[in-house]
């Protein structure tokens, strides 16, 4: 069985992340159920180029490996508006009891609604830690 890393993308063509439009296969991804699960989240509208999405997914997988996690889905919010990928992320954190999520920068969470402490609110609501690739 070839190891896989999947990326769920939410956009107007797909009403829910379960109808995601792509699967990314990373050669260096290894599924390990003995390690705590780490899920990823990023907002495409905060990036300059499409190529940054794949690069950040690789960085998240490397981060997971170095920090002792098993990397799961990376939820990509394709456009501003209703945060379908974020909702799917919360559902997955709760369903699979993910111990943490990783974002490229805290701005990827605070861009949802800058009026609250997104990190603290997410951690209290889900029980999962929020980790960042950048400080």
C-alpha atoms as a PDB file:
ATOM      1  CA  UNK A   1       0.000   0.000   0.000  1.00  0.00           C
ATOM      2  CA  UNK A   2       1.429   3.367  -1.009  1.00  0.00           C
ATOM      3  CA  UNK A   3       1.517   5.905   1.853  1.00  0.00           C
ATOM      4  CA  UNK A   4      -0.700   8.914   1.167  1.00  0.00           C
ATOM      5  CA  UNK A   5      -1.270  12.412   2.380  1.00  0.00           C
ATOM      6  CA  UNK A   6      -4.614  13.873   1.492  1.00  0.00           C
ATOM      7  CA  UNK A   7      -5.566  17.501   1.143  1.00  0.00           C
ATOM      8  CA  UNK A   8      -9.202  18.524   1.447  1.00  0.00           C
ATOM      9  CA  UNK A   9     -10.077  21.646  -0.479  1.00  0.00           C
ATOM     10  CA  UNK A  10     -13.310  23.557  -0.136  1.00  0.00           C
ATOM     11  CA  UNK A  11     -14.534  25.785  -2.930  1.00  0.00           C
ATOM     12  CA  UNK A  12     -17.704  26.807  -4.694  1.00  0.00           C
ATOM     13  CA  UNK A  13     -17.685  23.759  -7.000  1.00  0.00           C
ATOM     14  CA  UNK A  14     -17.714  21.375  -4.064  1.00  0.00           C
ATOM     15  CA  UNK A  15     -20.329  22.093  -1.409  1.00  0.00           C
ATOM     16  CA  UNK A  16     -18.541  20.025   1.210  1.00  0.00           C
ATOM     17  CA  UNK A  17     -14.988  18.850   1.863  1.00  0.00           C
ATOM     18  CA  UNK A  18     -16.209  15.272   1.517  1.00  0.00           C
ATOM     19  CA  UNK A  19     -16.474  16.052  -2.200  1.00  0.00           C
ATOM     20  CA  UNK A  20     -12.890  17.307  -2.234  1.00  0.00           C
ATOM     21  CA  UNK A  21     -11.362  17.865  -5.625  1.00  0.00           C
ATOM     22  CA  UNK A  22      -7.928  16.458  -5.084  1.00  0.00           C
ATOM     23  CA  UNK A  23      -5.630  14.032  -3.374  1.00  0.00           C
ATOM     24  CA  UNK A  24      -1.971  14.841  -2.900  1.00  0.00           C
ATOM     25  CA  UNK A  25       0.513  12.019  -2.669  1.00  0.00           C
ATOM     26  CA  UNK A  26       3.720  12.809  -0.844  1.00  0.00           C
ATOM     27  CA  UNK A  27       6.521  10.316  -1.098  1.00  0.00           C
ATOM     28  CA  UNK A  28       7.753  11.039   2.413  1.00  0.00           C
ATOM     29  CA  UNK A  29       4.431  10.555   4.205  1.00  0.00           C
ATOM     30  CA  UNK A  30       4.057   7.543   6.472  1.00  0.00           C
ATOM     31  CA  UNK A  31       0.831   6.705   8.261  1.00  0.00           C
ATOM     32  CA  UNK A  32       1.520   5.729  11.867  1.00  0.00           C
ATOM     33  CA  UNK A  33      -1.417   5.111  14.173  1.00  0.00           C
ATOM     34  CA  UNK A  34       0.862   4.909  17.219  1.00  0.00           C
ATOM     35  CA  UNK A  35       1.603   8.646  16.999  1.00  0.00           C
ATOM     36  CA  UNK A  36      -0.791  11.475  17.829  1.00  0.00           C
ATOM     37  CA  UNK A  37      -2.728  12.799  14.826  1.00  0.00           C
ATOM     38  CA  UNK A  38      -1.905  16.237  13.414  1.00  0.00           C
ATOM     39  CA  UNK A  39      -4.248  17.945  10.943  1.00  0.00           C
ATOM     40  CA  UNK A  40      -3.350  20.947   8.806  1.00  0.00           C
ATOM     41  CA  UNK A  41      -5.259  24.082   7.839  1.00  0.00           C
ATOM     42  CA  UNK A  42      -4.420  26.951   5.545  1.00  0.00           C
ATOM     43  CA  UNK A  43      -6.173  29.708   3.642  1.00  0.00           C
ATOM     44  CA  UNK A  44      -5.336  29.947  -0.054  1.00  0.00           C
ATOM     45  CA  UNK A  45      -6.354  33.637  -0.166  1.00  0.00           C
ATOM     46  CA  UNK A  46      -3.428  34.483   2.142  1.00  0.00           C
ATOM     47  CA  UNK A  47      -0.878  32.987  -0.260  1.00  0.00           C
ATOM     48  CA  UNK A  48       0.693  34.616  -3.304  1.00  0.00           C
ATOM     49  CA  UNK A  49       0.910  31.589  -5.612  1.00  0.00           C
ATOM     50  CA  UNK A  50      -0.840  28.234  -5.982  1.00  0.00           C
ATOM     51  CA  UNK A  51       2.533  26.498  -5.715  1.00  0.00           C
ATOM     52  CA  UNK A  52       2.749  27.648  -2.099  1.00  0.00           C
ATOM     53  CA  UNK A  53      -0.080  25.273  -1.140  1.00  0.00           C
ATOM     54  CA  UNK A  54       1.903  22.152  -2.061  1.00  0.00           C
ATOM     55  CA  UNK A  55       5.049  23.606  -0.507  1.00  0.00           C
ATOM     56  CA  UNK A  56       3.258  24.324   2.778  1.00  0.00           C
ATOM     57  CA  UNK A  57       1.728  20.837   2.784  1.00  0.00           C
ATOM     58  CA  UNK A  58       5.235  19.368   2.471  1.00  0.00           C
ATOM     59  CA  UNK A  59       6.457  21.631   5.288  1.00  0.00           C
ATOM     60  CA  UNK A  60       3.540  20.529   7.473  1.00  0.00           C
ATOM     61  CA  UNK A  61       4.316  16.853   6.805  1.00  0.00           C
ATOM     62  CA  UNK A  62       7.973  17.467   7.690  1.00  0.00           C
ATOM     63  CA  UNK A  63       6.920  19.373  10.820  1.00  0.00           C
ATOM     64  CA  UNK A  64       4.711  16.432  11.844  1.00  0.00           C
ATOM     65  CA  UNK A  65       7.553  13.961  11.386  1.00  0.00           C
ATOM     66  CA  UNK A  66      10.048  16.076  13.366  1.00  0.00           C
ATOM     67  CA  UNK A  67       7.576  16.788  16.185  1.00  0.00           C
ATOM     68  CA  UNK A  68       6.452  13.144  16.519  1.00  0.00           C
ATOM     69  CA  UNK A  69       3.003  13.330  14.917  1.00  0.00           C
ATOM     70  CA  UNK A  70       1.263  11.341  12.220  1.00  0.00           C
ATOM     71  CA  UNK A  71       0.157  13.852   9.552  1.00  0.00           C
ATOM     72  CA  UNK A  72      -3.452  13.625   8.453  1.00  0.00           C
ATOM     73  CA  UNK A  73      -5.506  15.799   6.111  1.00  0.00           C
ATOM     74  CA  UNK A  74      -4.570  19.367   5.328  1.00  0.00           C
ATOM     75  CA  UNK A  75      -7.734  21.426   4.911  1.00  0.00           C
ATOM     76  CA  UNK A  76      -7.322  24.211   2.362  1.00  0.00           C
ATOM     77  CA  UNK A  77      -9.775  27.109   2.372  1.00  0.00           C
ATOM     78  CA  UNK A  78      -9.804  28.033  -1.313  1.00  0.00           C
ATOM     79  CA  UNK A  79     -11.635  31.352  -1.097  1.00  0.00           C
ATOM     80  CA  UNK A  80     -12.926  33.911   1.338  1.00  0.00           C
ATOM     81  CA  UNK A  81     -16.509  33.522   2.458  1.00  0.00           C
ATOM     82  CA  UNK A  82     -18.125  30.664   4.311  1.00  0.00           C
ATOM     83  CA  UNK A  83     -15.275  28.616   5.882  1.00  0.00           C
ATOM     84  CA  UNK A  84     -16.237  25.120   4.679  1.00  0.00           C
ATOM     85  CA  UNK A  85     -12.733  23.698   5.087  1.00  0.00           C
ATOM     86  CA  UNK A  86     -12.511  25.138   8.617  1.00  0.00           C
ATOM     87  CA  UNK A  87     -15.816  23.528   9.561  1.00  0.00           C
ATOM     88  CA  UNK A  88     -14.572  20.212   8.177  1.00  0.00           C
ATOM     89  CA  UNK A  89     -11.359  20.643  10.178  1.00  0.00           C
ATOM     90  CA  UNK A  90     -13.311  21.070  13.425  1.00  0.00           C
ATOM     91  CA  UNK A  91     -15.469  18.053  12.588  1.00  0.00           C
ATOM     92  CA  UNK A  92     -12.372  15.940  11.892  1.00  0.00           C
ATOM     93  CA  UNK A  93     -10.592  17.081  15.058  1.00  0.00           C
ATOM     94  CA  UNK A  94     -13.598  15.966  17.062  1.00  0.00           C
ATOM     95  CA  UNK A  95     -14.286  12.748  15.126  1.00  0.00           C
ATOM     96  CA  UNK A  96     -10.697  11.487  15.017  1.00  0.00           C
ATOM     97  CA  UNK A  97      -9.590  13.037  18.311  1.00  0.00           C
ATOM     98  CA  UNK A  98      -6.689  14.874  16.700  1.00  0.00           C
ATOM     99  CA  UNK A  99      -4.356  16.165  19.363  1.00  0.00           C
ATOM    100  CA  UNK A 100      -3.246  19.205  17.367  1.00  0.00           C
ATOM    101  CA  UNK A 101      -3.552  21.190  14.174  1.00  0.00           C
ATOM    102  CA  UNK A 102      -0.803  23.024  12.331  1.00  0.00           C
ATOM    103  CA  UNK A 103      -1.180  26.288  10.427  1.00  0.00           C
ATOM    104  CA  UNK A 104       1.503  28.131   8.448  1.00  0.00           C
ATOM    105  CA  UNK A 105       0.988  31.209  10.624  1.00  0.00           C
ATOM    106  CA  UNK A 106      -1.626  32.254  13.175  1.00  0.00           C
ATOM    107  CA  UNK A 107      -3.029  34.654  10.565  1.00  0.00           C
ATOM    108  CA  UNK A 108      -4.583  31.638   8.814  1.00  0.00           C
ATOM    109  CA  UNK A 109      -6.896  31.251  11.824  1.00  0.00           C
ATOM    110  CA  UNK A 110      -7.400  34.898  12.717  1.00  0.00           C
ATOM    111  CA  UNK A 111      -8.373  35.729   9.117  1.00  0.00           C
ATOM    112  CA  UNK A 112     -11.633  33.903   9.850  1.00  0.00           C
ATOM    113  CA  UNK A 113     -12.697  36.550  12.350  1.00  0.00           C
ATOM    114  CA  UNK A 114     -10.104  38.917  13.768  1.00  0.00           C
ATOM    115  CA  UNK A 115     -12.360  39.928  16.652  1.00  0.00           C
ATOM    116  CA  UNK A 116     -11.378  37.042  18.932  1.00  0.00           C
ATOM    117  CA  UNK A 117      -8.362  35.082  20.051  1.00  0.00           C
ATOM    118  CA  UNK A 118      -8.656  32.349  17.423  1.00  0.00           C
ATOM    119  CA  UNK A 119      -5.946  30.121  18.865  1.00  0.00           C
ATOM    120  CA  UNK A 120      -7.345  30.133  22.401  1.00  0.00           C
ATOM    121  CA  UNK A 121     -10.934  29.770  21.198  1.00  0.00           C
ATOM    122  CA  UNK A 122     -10.078  26.848  18.911  1.00  0.00           C
ATOM    123  CA  UNK A 123      -8.087  25.085  21.634  1.00  0.00           C
ATOM    124  CA  UNK A 124     -10.846  25.490  24.217  1.00  0.00           C
ATOM    125  CA  UNK A 125     -13.592  24.407  21.797  1.00  0.00           C
ATOM    126  CA  UNK A 126     -11.832  21.311  20.438  1.00  0.00           C
ATOM    127  CA  UNK A 127      -9.223  20.307  23.005  1.00  0.00           C
ATOM    128  CA  UNK A 128      -6.601  20.260  20.222  1.00  0.00           C
ATOM    129  CA  UNK A 129      -3.490  22.414  20.357  1.00  0.00           C
ATOM    130  CA  UNK A 130      -2.796  24.947  17.618  1.00  0.00           C
ATOM    131  CA  UNK A 131       0.793  24.768  16.340  1.00  0.00           C
ATOM    132  CA  UNK A 132       2.429  27.088  13.829  1.00  0.00           C
ATOM    133  CA  UNK A 133       5.107  26.566  11.234  1.00  0.00           C
ATOM    134  CA  UNK A 134       6.151  30.202  11.754  1.00  0.00           C
ATOM    135  CA  UNK A 135       6.030  32.270  14.925  1.00  0.00           C
END
